[in-house]
């Protein structure tokens, strides 16, 4: 009977420790929830696009048909690192 009482007391102590640790973990993770959610959504989009490569090709064709100068304007822009290097 003494062993059962010790086990019950030990279990009660462990359950209270678990509760405290969950509370601390919640406080630590709370500021990270939004960035992690955005990263997860981004990875989901990449996974979707990887599976549907036809979608990428058709989108680029549509851009070239409806806005023929779009890609040219985009490629003419120089990255900011080139601007810094040339100064």
C-alpha atoms as a PDB file:
ATOM      1  CA  UNK A   1       0.000   0.000   0.000  1.00  0.00           C
ATOM      2  CA  UNK A   2       2.906   2.314   0.732  1.00  0.00           C
ATOM      3  CA  UNK A   3       4.251   1.863  -2.822  1.00  0.00           C
ATOM      4  CA  UNK A   4       0.897   2.844  -4.318  1.00  0.00           C
ATOM      5  CA  UNK A   5       0.834   6.010  -2.236  1.00  0.00           C
ATOM      6  CA  UNK A   6       4.365   6.880  -3.370  1.00  0.00           C
ATOM      7  CA  UNK A   7       3.425   6.250  -6.983  1.00  0.00           C
ATOM      8  CA  UNK A   8       0.286   8.388  -6.669  1.00  0.00           C
ATOM      9  CA  UNK A   9       2.291  11.213  -5.109  1.00  0.00           C
ATOM     10  CA  UNK A  10       4.986  10.916  -7.783  1.00  0.00           C
ATOM     11  CA  UNK A  11       2.338  10.938 -10.519  1.00  0.00           C
ATOM     12  CA  UNK A  12       0.719  14.039  -9.043  1.00  0.00           C
ATOM     13  CA  UNK A  13       4.108  15.785  -8.946  1.00  0.00           C
ATOM     14  CA  UNK A  14       4.864  14.839 -12.560  1.00  0.00           C
ATOM     15  CA  UNK A  15       1.453  16.001 -13.765  1.00  0.00           C
ATOM     16  CA  UNK A  16       1.983  19.393 -12.103  1.00  0.00           C
ATOM     17  CA  UNK A  17       5.461  19.683 -13.688  1.00  0.00           C
ATOM     18  CA  UNK A  18       4.003  18.847 -17.090  1.00  0.00           C
ATOM     19  CA  UNK A  19       1.357  21.532 -16.660  1.00  0.00           C
ATOM     20  CA  UNK A  20       3.991  24.143 -15.751  1.00  0.00           C
ATOM     21  CA  UNK A  21       6.194  23.160 -18.695  1.00  0.00           C
ATOM     22  CA  UNK A  22       3.258  23.368 -21.109  1.00  0.00           C
ATOM     23  CA  UNK A  23       2.499  26.872 -19.859  1.00  0.00           C
ATOM     24  CA  UNK A  24       6.130  27.968 -20.329  1.00  0.00           C
ATOM     25  CA  UNK A  25       6.269  26.396 -23.788  1.00  0.00           C
ATOM     26  CA  UNK A  26       3.074  28.195 -24.788  1.00  0.00           C
ATOM     27  CA  UNK A  27       4.565  31.544 -23.739  1.00  0.00           C
ATOM     28  CA  UNK A  28       7.784  30.843 -25.660  1.00  0.00           C
ATOM     29  CA  UNK A  29       6.045  29.712 -28.852  1.00  0.00           C
ATOM     30  CA  UNK A  30       3.307  32.378 -28.892  1.00  0.00           C
ATOM     31  CA  UNK A  31       5.391  35.049 -30.753  1.00  0.00           C
ATOM     32  CA  UNK A  32       6.573  32.442 -33.276  1.00  0.00           C
ATOM     33  CA  UNK A  33       3.150  31.201 -34.341  1.00  0.00           C
ATOM     34  CA  UNK A  34       2.539  33.804 -37.068  1.00  0.00           C
ATOM     35  CA  UNK A  35       5.970  33.511 -38.780  1.00  0.00           C
ATOM     36  CA  UNK A  36       5.817  29.722 -38.640  1.00  0.00           C
ATOM     37  CA  UNK A  37       2.313  29.776 -40.124  1.00  0.00           C
ATOM     38  CA  UNK A  38       3.508  31.970 -43.003  1.00  0.00           C
ATOM     39  CA  UNK A  39       6.484  29.695 -43.613  1.00  0.00           C
ATOM     40  CA  UNK A  40       4.204  26.660 -43.624  1.00  0.00           C
ATOM     41  CA  UNK A  41       1.868  28.316 -46.126  1.00  0.00           C
ATOM     42  CA  UNK A  42       4.824  29.219 -48.338  1.00  0.00           C
ATOM     43  CA  UNK A  43       6.065  25.653 -48.294  1.00  0.00           C
ATOM     44  CA  UNK A  44       2.567  24.445 -49.159  1.00  0.00           C
ATOM     45  CA  UNK A  45       2.504  26.783 -52.164  1.00  0.00           C
ATOM     46  CA  UNK A  46       5.920  25.560 -53.311  1.00  0.00           C
ATOM     47  CA  UNK A  47       4.797  21.961 -52.937  1.00  0.00           C
ATOM     48  CA  UNK A  48       1.650  22.716 -54.964  1.00  0.00           C
ATOM     49  CA  UNK A  49       3.655  24.401 -57.713  1.00  0.00           C
ATOM     50  CA  UNK A  50       6.137  21.534 -57.765  1.00  0.00           C
ATOM     51  CA  UNK A  51       3.283  19.112 -58.369  1.00  0.00           C
ATOM     52  CA  UNK A  52       1.609  21.345 -60.994  1.00  0.00           C
ATOM     53  CA  UNK A  53       4.420  22.498 -63.259  1.00  0.00           C
ATOM     54  CA  UNK A  54       1.953  23.041 -66.102  1.00  0.00           C
ATOM     55  CA  UNK A  55       0.473  25.861 -64.053  1.00  0.00           C
ATOM     56  CA  UNK A  56       3.828  27.676 -64.010  1.00  0.00           C
ATOM     57  CA  UNK A  57       4.290  27.248 -67.750  1.00  0.00           C
ATOM     58  CA  UNK A  58       0.769  28.385 -68.584  1.00  0.00           C
ATOM     59  CA  UNK A  59       1.074  31.419 -66.309  1.00  0.00           C
ATOM     60  CA  UNK A  60       4.294  32.520 -67.991  1.00  0.00           C
ATOM     61  CA  UNK A  61       2.685  32.063 -71.414  1.00  0.00           C
ATOM     62  CA  UNK A  62      -0.311  34.150 -70.342  1.00  0.00           C
ATOM     63  CA  UNK A  63       1.963  36.911 -69.068  1.00  0.00           C
ATOM     64  CA  UNK A  64       3.908  36.943 -72.321  1.00  0.00           C
ATOM     65  CA  UNK A  65       0.709  37.065 -74.391  1.00  0.00           C
ATOM     66  CA  UNK A  66      -1.219  39.696 -72.445  1.00  0.00           C
ATOM     67  CA  UNK A  67       1.733  41.783 -71.229  1.00  0.00           C
ATOM     68  CA  UNK A  68       4.562  41.303 -73.709  1.00  0.00           C
ATOM     69  CA  UNK A  69       6.774  43.971 -72.117  1.00  0.00           C
ATOM     70  CA  UNK A  70       6.295  42.704 -68.572  1.00  0.00           C
ATOM     71  CA  UNK A  71       9.221  40.304 -68.547  1.00  0.00           C
ATOM     72  CA  UNK A  72      11.478  42.773 -70.356  1.00  0.00           C
ATOM     73  CA  UNK A  73      10.768  45.492 -67.793  1.00  0.00           C
ATOM     74  CA  UNK A  74      11.355  43.046 -64.986  1.00  0.00           C
ATOM     75  CA  UNK A  75      14.693  41.902 -66.389  1.00  0.00           C
ATOM     76  CA  UNK A  76      15.913  45.446 -67.070  1.00  0.00           C
ATOM     77  CA  UNK A  77      15.849  46.274 -63.380  1.00  0.00           C
ATOM     78  CA  UNK A  78      19.231  45.896 -61.795  1.00  0.00           C
ATOM     79  CA  UNK A  79      19.618  44.421 -58.330  1.00  0.00           C
ATOM     80  CA  UNK A  80      20.572  46.878 -55.615  1.00  0.00           C
ATOM     81  CA  UNK A  81      23.879  45.062 -55.075  1.00  0.00           C
ATOM     82  CA  UNK A  82      24.981  46.127 -58.583  1.00  0.00           C
ATOM     83  CA  UNK A  83      24.102  49.734 -57.793  1.00  0.00           C
ATOM     84  CA  UNK A  84      26.181  49.650 -54.632  1.00  0.00           C
ATOM     85  CA  UNK A  85      29.123  47.996 -56.371  1.00  0.00           C
ATOM     86  CA  UNK A  86      29.179  50.559 -59.206  1.00  0.00           C
ATOM     87  CA  UNK A  87      29.302  53.587 -56.897  1.00  0.00           C
END
